[in-house]
Amino acid sequence: IEKFNNSEVDTEYQQDGGNEEATRLNPVQP
């Protein structure tokens, strides 16, 4: 819960995973 409810960690993970669609839904900007 702590890991995947942290927006910064979640966004970084999505980018590392190469999930382009999820990256658009979770922008890097705070």
Full PDB file with SEQRES, HELIX, SHEET, SSBOND, CRYST1, ORIGX, SCALE, CONECT and MASTER records, all heavy atoms in Angstrom:
SEQRES   1 A   30  ILE GLU LYS PHE ASN ASN SER GLU VAL ASP THR GLU TYR          
SEQRES   2 A   30  GLN GLN ASP GLY GLY ASN GLU GLU ALA THR ARG LEU ASN          
SEQRES   3 A   30  PRO VAL GLN PRO                                              
HELIX    1 AA1 SER A    7  ASP A   16  1                                  10    
HELIX    2 AA2 GLU A   20  LEU A   25  1                                   6    
CRYST1    1.000    1.000    1.000  90.00  90.00  90.00 P 1           1          
ORIGX1      1.000000  0.000000  0.000000        0.00000                         
ORIGX2      0.000000  1.000000  0.000000        0.00000                         
ORIGX3      0.000000  0.000000  1.000000        0.00000                         
SCALE1      1.000000  0.000000  0.000000        0.00000                         
SCALE2      0.000000  1.000000  0.000000        0.00000                         
SCALE3      0.000000  0.000000  1.000000        0.00000                         
ATOM      1  N   ILE A   1       0.843  -1.205   0.000  1.00  0.00           N  
ATOM      2  CA  ILE A   1       0.000   0.000   0.000  1.00  0.00           C  
ATOM      3  C   ILE A   1       0.868   1.240   0.000  1.00  0.00           C  
ATOM      4  O   ILE A   1       0.611   2.199  -0.746  1.00  0.00           O  
ATOM      5  CB  ILE A   1      -0.937  -0.018   1.227  1.00  0.00           C  
ATOM      6  CG1 ILE A   1      -1.933  -1.176   1.112  1.00  0.00           C  
ATOM      7  CG2 ILE A   1      -1.677   1.310   1.363  1.00  0.00           C  
ATOM      8  CD1 ILE A   1      -2.831  -1.342   2.320  1.00  0.00           C  
ATOM      9  N   GLU A   2       1.927   1.229   0.819  1.00  0.00           N  
ATOM     10  CA  GLU A   2       2.811   2.389   0.887  1.00  0.00           C  
ATOM     11  C   GLU A   2       3.521   2.612  -0.449  1.00  0.00           C  
ATOM     12  O   GLU A   2       3.675   3.743  -0.910  1.00  0.00           O  
ATOM     13  CB  GLU A   2       3.834   2.175   2.004  1.00  0.00           C  
ATOM     14  CG  GLU A   2       4.782   3.352   2.187  1.00  0.00           C  
ATOM     15  CD  GLU A   2       5.785   3.099   3.295  1.00  0.00           C  
ATOM     16  OE1 GLU A   2       5.666   2.058   3.987  1.00  0.00           O  
ATOM     17  OE2 GLU A   2       6.692   3.934   3.476  1.00  0.00           O  
ATOM     18  N   LYS A   3       3.920   1.542  -1.081  1.00  0.00           N  
ATOM     19  CA  LYS A   3       4.665   1.668  -2.336  1.00  0.00           C  
ATOM     20  C   LYS A   3       3.795   2.168  -3.484  1.00  0.00           C  
ATOM     21  O   LYS A   3       4.172   3.106  -4.189  1.00  0.00           O  
ATOM     22  CB  LYS A   3       5.275   0.306  -2.705  1.00  0.00           C  
ATOM     23  CG  LYS A   3       5.981   0.297  -4.054  1.00  0.00           C  
ATOM     24  CD  LYS A   3       6.560  -1.070  -4.366  1.00  0.00           C  
ATOM     25  CE  LYS A   3       7.239  -1.071  -5.734  1.00  0.00           C  
ATOM     26  NZ  LYS A   3       7.831  -2.383  -6.055  1.00  0.00           N  
ATOM     27  N   PHE A   4       2.641   1.547  -3.642  1.00  0.00           N  
ATOM     28  CA  PHE A   4       1.840   1.856  -4.830  1.00  0.00           C  
ATOM     29  C   PHE A   4       0.850   2.991  -4.624  1.00  0.00           C  
ATOM     30  O   PHE A   4       0.138   3.356  -5.546  1.00  0.00           O  
ATOM     31  CB  PHE A   4       1.103   0.600  -5.301  1.00  0.00           C  
ATOM     32  CG  PHE A   4       2.012  -0.399  -5.941  1.00  0.00           C  
ATOM     33  CD1 PHE A   4       2.504  -1.480  -5.225  1.00  0.00           C  
ATOM     34  CD2 PHE A   4       2.415  -0.235  -7.250  1.00  0.00           C  
ATOM     35  CE1 PHE A   4       3.359  -2.391  -5.803  1.00  0.00           C  
ATOM     36  CE2 PHE A   4       3.264  -1.149  -7.847  1.00  0.00           C  
ATOM     37  CZ  PHE A   4       3.743  -2.230  -7.125  1.00  0.00           C  
ATOM     38  N   ASN A   5       0.786   3.558  -3.429  1.00  0.00           N  
ATOM     39  CA  ASN A   5      -0.014   4.764  -3.231  1.00  0.00           C  
ATOM     40  C   ASN A   5       0.866   6.007  -3.173  1.00  0.00           C  
ATOM     41  O   ASN A   5       0.372   7.105  -2.932  1.00  0.00           O  
ATOM     42  CB  ASN A   5      -0.842   4.653  -1.944  1.00  0.00           C  
ATOM     43  CG  ASN A   5      -2.054   3.771  -2.130  1.00  0.00           C  
ATOM     44  OD1 ASN A   5      -3.108   4.223  -2.569  1.00  0.00           O  
ATOM     45  ND2 ASN A   5      -1.893   2.487  -1.824  1.00  0.00           N  
ATOM     46  N   ASN A   6       2.170   5.833  -3.367  1.00  0.00           N  
ATOM     47  CA  ASN A   6       3.083   6.954  -3.489  1.00  0.00           C  
ATOM     48  C   ASN A   6       3.164   7.330  -4.957  1.00  0.00           C  
ATOM     49  O   ASN A   6       3.658   6.569  -5.784  1.00  0.00           O  
ATOM     50  CB  ASN A   6       4.468   6.552  -2.949  1.00  0.00           C  
ATOM     51  CG  ASN A   6       5.424   7.731  -2.899  1.00  0.00           C  
ATOM     52  OD1 ASN A   6       5.480   8.536  -3.827  1.00  0.00           O  
ATOM     53  ND2 ASN A   6       6.196   7.804  -1.821  1.00  0.00           N  
ATOM     54  N   SER A   7       2.686   8.504  -5.319  1.00  0.00           N  
ATOM     55  CA  SER A   7       2.570   8.885  -6.735  1.00  0.00           C  
ATOM     56  C   SER A   7       3.919   8.940  -7.418  1.00  0.00           C  
ATOM     57  O   SER A   7       4.067   8.553  -8.573  1.00  0.00           O  
ATOM     58  CB  SER A   7       1.858  10.240  -6.857  1.00  0.00           C  
ATOM     59  OG  SER A   7       2.573  11.235  -6.150  1.00  0.00           O  
ATOM     60  N   GLU A   8       4.980   9.411  -6.708  1.00  0.00           N  
ATOM     61  CA  GLU A   8       6.280   9.529  -7.353  1.00  0.00           C  
ATOM     62  C   GLU A   8       6.866   8.154  -7.659  1.00  0.00           C  
ATOM     63  O   GLU A   8       7.358   7.903  -8.751  1.00  0.00           O  
ATOM     64  CB  GLU A   8       7.221  10.317  -6.459  1.00  0.00           C  
ATOM     65  CG  GLU A   8       6.785  11.776  -6.273  1.00  0.00           C  
ATOM     66  CD  GLU A   8       7.757  12.535  -5.394  1.00  0.00           C  
ATOM     67  OE1 GLU A   8       8.739  11.916  -4.945  1.00  0.00           O  
ATOM     68  OE2 GLU A   8       7.531  13.732  -5.176  1.00  0.00           O  
ATOM     69  N   VAL A   9       6.779   7.244  -6.691  1.00  0.00           N  
ATOM     70  CA  VAL A   9       7.293   5.881  -6.904  1.00  0.00           C  
ATOM     71  C   VAL A   9       6.503   5.189  -7.995  1.00  0.00           C  
ATOM     72  O   VAL A   9       7.047   4.513  -8.861  1.00  0.00           O  
ATOM     73  CB  VAL A   9       7.223   5.079  -5.585  1.00  0.00           C  
ATOM     74  CG1 VAL A   9       7.616   3.627  -5.827  1.00  0.00           C  
ATOM     75  CG2 VAL A   9       8.147   5.699  -4.549  1.00  0.00           C  
ATOM     76  N   ASP A  10       5.167   5.401  -7.968  1.00  0.00           N  
ATOM     77  CA  ASP A  10       4.298   4.759  -8.953  1.00  0.00           C  
ATOM     78  C   ASP A  10       4.625   5.247 -10.353  1.00  0.00           C  
ATOM     79  O   ASP A  10       4.719   4.480 -11.294  1.00  0.00           O  
ATOM     80  CB  ASP A  10       2.835   5.063  -8.612  1.00  0.00           C  
ATOM     81  CG  ASP A  10       1.886   4.276  -9.486  1.00  0.00           C  
ATOM     82  OD1 ASP A  10       2.171   3.097  -9.738  1.00  0.00           O  
ATOM     83  OD2 ASP A  10       0.871   4.852  -9.910  1.00  0.00           O  
ATOM     84  N   THR A  11       4.833   6.562 -10.487  1.00  0.00           N  
ATOM     85  CA  THR A  11       5.143   7.126 -11.802  1.00  0.00           C  
ATOM     86  C   THR A  11       6.490   6.612 -12.303  1.00  0.00           C  
ATOM     87  O   THR A  11       6.642   6.228 -13.464  1.00  0.00           O  
ATOM     88  CB  THR A  11       5.162   8.662 -11.710  1.00  0.00           C  
ATOM     89  OG1 THR A  11       3.898   9.105 -11.255  1.00  0.00           O  
ATOM     90  CG2 THR A  11       5.457   9.271 -13.067  1.00  0.00           C  
ATOM     91  N   GLU A  12       7.487   6.576 -11.391  1.00  0.00           N  
ATOM     92  CA  GLU A  12       8.808   6.087 -11.778  1.00  0.00           C  
ATOM     93  C   GLU A  12       8.753   4.634 -12.213  1.00  0.00           C  
ATOM     94  O   GLU A  12       9.362   4.246 -13.200  1.00  0.00           O  
ATOM     95  CB  GLU A  12       9.759   6.261 -10.594  1.00  0.00           C  
ATOM     96  CG  GLU A  12      11.186   5.831 -10.912  1.00  0.00           C  
ATOM     97  CD  GLU A  12      12.096   6.005  -9.714  1.00  0.00           C  
ATOM     98  OE1 GLU A  12      11.610   6.545  -8.693  1.00  0.00           O  
ATOM     99  OE2 GLU A  12      13.263   5.592  -9.788  1.00  0.00           O  
ATOM    100  N   TYR A  13       7.936   3.847 -11.511  1.00  0.00           N  
ATOM    101  CA  TYR A  13       7.818   2.434 -11.861  1.00  0.00           C  
ATOM    102  C   TYR A  13       7.179   2.270 -13.231  1.00  0.00           C  
ATOM    103  O   TYR A  13       7.622   1.463 -14.047  1.00  0.00           O  
ATOM    104  CB  TYR A  13       6.993   1.700 -10.798  1.00  0.00           C  
ATOM    105  CG  TYR A  13       6.656   0.297 -11.235  1.00  0.00           C  
ATOM    106  CD1 TYR A  13       7.604  -0.712 -11.173  1.00  0.00           C  
ATOM    107  CD2 TYR A  13       5.398   0.001 -11.764  1.00  0.00           C  
ATOM    108  CE1 TYR A  13       7.317  -1.981 -11.605  1.00  0.00           C  
ATOM    109  CE2 TYR A  13       5.103  -1.262 -12.201  1.00  0.00           C  
ATOM    110  CZ  TYR A  13       6.064  -2.258 -12.117  1.00  0.00           C  
ATOM    111  OH  TYR A  13       5.775  -3.503 -12.553  1.00  0.00           O  
ATOM    112  N   GLN A  14       6.140   3.072 -13.484  1.00  0.00           N  
ATOM    113  CA  GLN A  14       5.457   2.945 -14.763  1.00  0.00           C  
ATOM    114  C   GLN A  14       6.397   3.273 -15.914  1.00  0.00           C  
ATOM    115  O   GLN A  14       6.382   2.633 -16.960  1.00  0.00           O  
ATOM    116  CB  GLN A  14       4.235   3.885 -14.799  1.00  0.00           C  
ATOM    117  CG  GLN A  14       3.140   3.541 -13.805  1.00  0.00           C  
ATOM    118  CD  GLN A  14       2.425   2.272 -14.184  1.00  0.00           C  
ATOM    119  OE1 GLN A  14       2.706   1.684 -15.222  1.00  0.00           O  
ATOM    120  NE2 GLN A  14       1.532   1.810 -13.325  1.00  0.00           N  
ATOM    121  N   GLN A  15       7.254   4.297 -15.695  1.00  0.00           N  
ATOM    122  CA  GLN A  15       8.191   4.664 -16.757  1.00  0.00           C  
ATOM    123  C   GLN A  15       9.236   3.563 -16.964  1.00  0.00           C  
ATOM    124  O   GLN A  15       9.591   3.234 -18.092  1.00  0.00           O  
ATOM    125  CB  GLN A  15       8.871   5.979 -16.396  1.00  0.00           C  
ATOM    126  CG  GLN A  15       7.893   7.172 -16.447  1.00  0.00           C  
ATOM    127  CD  GLN A  15       8.541   8.445 -15.945  1.00  0.00           C  
ATOM    128  OE1 GLN A  15       9.360   8.408 -15.043  1.00  0.00           O  
ATOM    129  NE2 GLN A  15       8.180   9.567 -16.534  1.00  0.00           N  
ATOM    130  N   ASP A  16       9.722   3.011 -15.868  1.00  0.00           N  
ATOM    131  CA  ASP A  16      10.717   1.933 -15.996  1.00  0.00           C  
ATOM    132  C   ASP A  16      10.126   0.710 -16.668  1.00  0.00           C  
ATOM    133  O   ASP A  16      10.809  -0.011 -17.380  1.00  0.00           O  
ATOM    134  CB  ASP A  16      11.245   1.555 -14.596  1.00  0.00           C  
ATOM    135  CG  ASP A  16      12.070   2.688 -13.991  1.00  0.00           C  
ATOM    136  OD1 ASP A  16      12.500   3.567 -14.774  1.00  0.00           O  
ATOM    137  OD2 ASP A  16      12.250   2.689 -12.758  1.00  0.00           O  
ATOM    138  N   GLY A  17       8.835   0.468 -16.422  1.00  0.00           N  
ATOM    139  CA  GLY A  17       8.192  -0.702 -16.997  1.00  0.00           C  
ATOM    140  C   GLY A  17       7.865  -0.528 -18.458  1.00  0.00           C  
ATOM    141  O   GLY A  17       7.401  -1.455 -19.109  1.00  0.00           O  
ATOM    142  N   GLY A  18       8.077   0.675 -18.984  1.00  0.00           N  
ATOM    143  CA  GLY A  18       7.799   0.899 -20.402  1.00  0.00           C  
ATOM    144  C   GLY A  18       6.330   0.967 -20.726  1.00  0.00           C  
ATOM    145  O   GLY A  18       5.946   0.773 -21.875  1.00  0.00           O  
ATOM    146  N   ASN A  19       5.492   1.240 -19.725  1.00  0.00           N  
ATOM    147  CA  ASN A  19       4.051   1.300 -19.974  1.00  0.00           C  
ATOM    148  C   ASN A  19       3.695   2.715 -20.405  1.00  0.00           C  
ATOM    149  O   ASN A  19       3.452   3.600 -19.598  1.00  0.00           O  
ATOM    150  CB  ASN A  19       3.283   0.923 -18.694  1.00  0.00           C  
ATOM    151  CG  ASN A  19       1.818   0.726 -18.973  1.00  0.00           C  
ATOM    152  OD1 ASN A  19       1.281   1.251 -19.938  1.00  0.00           O  
ATOM    153  ND2 ASN A  19       1.172  -0.044 -18.105  1.00  0.00           N  
ATOM    154  N   GLU A  20       3.699   2.943 -21.686  1.00  0.00           N  
ATOM    155  CA  GLU A  20       3.489   4.287 -22.219  1.00  0.00           C  
ATOM    156  C   GLU A  20       2.112   4.833 -21.872  1.00  0.00           C  
ATOM    157  O   GLU A  20       1.955   6.001 -21.511  1.00  0.00           O  
ATOM    158  CB  GLU A  20       3.675   4.254 -23.744  1.00  0.00           C  
ATOM    159  CG  GLU A  20       3.497   5.619 -24.398  1.00  0.00           C  
ATOM    160  CD  GLU A  20       3.643   5.518 -25.900  1.00  0.00           C  
ATOM    161  OE1 GLU A  20       4.025   4.431 -26.384  1.00  0.00           O  
ATOM    162  OE2 GLU A  20       3.359   6.515 -26.580  1.00  0.00           O  
ATOM    163  N   GLU A  21       1.119   3.960 -21.951  1.00  0.00           N  
ATOM    164  CA  GLU A  21      -0.244   4.407 -21.700  1.00  0.00           C  
ATOM    165  C   GLU A  21      -0.427   4.812 -20.248  1.00  0.00           C  
ATOM    166  O   GLU A  21      -1.007   5.843 -19.939  1.00  0.00           O  
ATOM    167  CB  GLU A  21      -1.222   3.290 -22.048  1.00  0.00           C  
ATOM    168  CG  GLU A  21      -2.670   3.735 -22.068  1.00  0.00           C  
ATOM    169  CD  GLU A  21      -3.550   2.657 -22.642  1.00  0.00           C  
ATOM    170  OE1 GLU A  21      -3.036   1.835 -23.414  1.00  0.00           O  
ATOM    171  OE2 GLU A  21      -4.734   2.643 -22.318  1.00  0.00           O  
ATOM    172  N   ALA A  22       0.112   4.020 -19.306  1.00  0.00           N  
ATOM    173  CA  ALA A  22       0.003   4.353 -17.890  1.00  0.00           C  
ATOM    174  C   ALA A  22       0.789   5.612 -17.565  1.00  0.00           C  
ATOM    175  O   ALA A  22       0.428   6.384 -16.684  1.00  0.00           O  
ATOM    176  CB  ALA A  22       0.493   3.193 -17.033  1.00  0.00           C  
ATOM    177  N   THR A  23       1.925   5.844 -18.284  1.00  0.00           N  
ATOM    178  CA  THR A  23       2.723   7.045 -18.050  1.00  0.00           C  
ATOM    179  C   THR A  23       1.918   8.288 -18.401  1.00  0.00           C  
ATOM    180  O   THR A  23       1.986   9.303 -17.709  1.00  0.00           O  
ATOM    181  CB  THR A  23       4.007   6.994 -18.906  1.00  0.00           C  
ATOM    182  OG1 THR A  23       4.717   5.805 -18.583  1.00  0.00           O  
ATOM    183  CG2 THR A  23       4.890   8.213 -18.630  1.00  0.00           C  
ATOM    184  N   ARG A  24       1.139   8.209 -19.469  1.00  0.00           N  
ATOM    185  CA  ARG A  24       0.320   9.362 -19.838  1.00  0.00           C  
ATOM    186  C   ARG A  24      -0.742   9.628 -18.785  1.00  0.00           C  
ATOM    187  O   ARG A  24      -1.118  10.770 -18.533  1.00  0.00           O  
ATOM    188  CB  ARG A  24      -0.342   9.120 -21.196  1.00  0.00           C  
ATOM    189  CG  ARG A  24       0.632   9.076 -22.351  1.00  0.00           C  
ATOM    190  CD  ARG A  24      -0.105   9.279 -23.665  1.00  0.00           C  
ATOM    191  NE  ARG A  24      -1.117   8.264 -23.870  1.00  0.00           N  
ATOM    192  CZ  ARG A  24      -0.902   7.132 -24.511  1.00  0.00           C  
ATOM    193  NH1 ARG A  24       0.311   6.856 -24.991  1.00  0.00           N  
ATOM    194  NH2 ARG A  24      -1.873   6.255 -24.675  1.00  0.00           N  
ATOM    195  N   LEU A  25      -1.257   8.566 -18.184  1.00  0.00           N  
ATOM    196  CA  LEU A  25      -2.277   8.743 -17.158  1.00  0.00           C  
ATOM    197  C   LEU A  25      -1.678   9.212 -15.840  1.00  0.00           C  
ATOM    198  O   LEU A  25      -2.397   9.749 -14.993  1.00  0.00           O  
ATOM    199  CB  LEU A  25      -3.021   7.417 -16.947  1.00  0.00           C  
ATOM    200  CG  LEU A  25      -3.829   6.932 -18.138  1.00  0.00           C  
ATOM    201  CD1 LEU A  25      -4.400   5.549 -17.842  1.00  0.00           C  
ATOM    202  CD2 LEU A  25      -4.952   7.906 -18.469  1.00  0.00           C  
ATOM    203  N   ASN A  26      -0.374   9.012 -15.614  1.00  0.00           N  
ATOM    204  CA  ASN A  26       0.290   9.422 -14.379  1.00  0.00           C  
ATOM    205  C   ASN A  26       1.472  10.325 -14.734  1.00  0.00           C  
ATOM    206  O   ASN A  26       2.622   9.881 -14.774  1.00  0.00           O  
ATOM    207  CB  ASN A  26       0.791   8.203 -13.593  1.00  0.00           C  
ATOM    208  CG  ASN A  26      -0.345   7.336 -13.119  1.00  0.00           C  
ATOM    209  OD1 ASN A  26      -0.942   7.587 -12.095  1.00  0.00           O  
ATOM    210  ND2 ASN A  26      -0.641   6.295 -13.900  1.00  0.00           N  
ATOM    211  N   PRO A  27       1.264  11.588 -15.064  1.00  0.00           N  
ATOM    212  CA  PRO A  27       2.334  12.471 -15.509  1.00  0.00           C  
ATOM    213  C   PRO A  27       3.387  12.684 -14.425  1.00  0.00           C  
ATOM    214  O   PRO A  27       3.108  12.585 -13.235  1.00  0.00           O  
ATOM    215  CB  PRO A  27       1.596  13.775 -15.836  1.00  0.00           C  
ATOM    216  CG  PRO A  27       0.340  13.715 -15.035  1.00  0.00           C  
ATOM    217  CD  PRO A  27      -0.023  12.274 -14.977  1.00  0.00           C  
ATOM    218  N   VAL A  28       4.618  12.990 -14.882  1.00  0.00           N  
ATOM    219  CA  VAL A  28       5.736  13.162 -13.963  1.00  0.00           C  
ATOM    220  C   VAL A  28       5.570  14.417 -13.121  1.00  0.00           C  
ATOM    221  O   VAL A  28       5.983  14.491 -11.975  1.00  0.00           O  
ATOM    222  CB  VAL A  28       7.064  13.214 -14.759  1.00  0.00           C  
ATOM    223  CG1 VAL A  28       8.239  13.449 -13.814  1.00  0.00           C  
ATOM    224  CG2 VAL A  28       7.250  11.951 -15.557  1.00  0.00           C  
ATOM    225  N   GLN A  29       4.942  15.459 -13.692  1.00  0.00           N  
ATOM    226  CA  GLN A  29       4.818  16.715 -12.980  1.00  0.00           C  
ATOM    227  C   GLN A  29       4.038  16.530 -11.690  1.00  0.00           C  
ATOM    228  O   GLN A  29       3.035  15.816 -11.666  1.00  0.00           O  
ATOM    229  CB  GLN A  29       4.100  17.756 -13.853  1.00  0.00           C  
ATOM    230  CG  GLN A  29       4.885  18.209 -15.064  1.00  0.00           C  
ATOM    231  CD  GLN A  29       4.737  17.251 -16.222  1.00  0.00           C  
ATOM    232  OE1 GLN A  29       4.066  16.235 -16.095  1.00  0.00           O  
ATOM    233  NE2 GLN A  29       5.389  17.562 -17.327  1.00  0.00           N  
ATOM    234  N   PRO A  30       4.501  17.166 -10.600  1.00  0.00           N  
ATOM    235  CA  PRO A  30       3.761  17.085  -9.339  1.00  0.00           C  
ATOM    236  C   PRO A  30       2.412  17.778  -9.452  1.00  0.00           C  
ATOM    237  O   PRO A  30       2.194  18.600 -10.345  1.00  0.00           O  
ATOM    238  CB  PRO A  30       4.679  17.811  -8.339  1.00  0.00           C  
ATOM    239  CG  PRO A  30       5.514  18.736  -9.180  1.00  0.00           C  
ATOM    240  CD  PRO A  30       5.710  18.006 -10.475  1.00  0.00           C  
TER     241      PRO A  30                                                      
MASTER        0    0    0    2    0    0    0    6  240    1    0    3          
END                                                                             
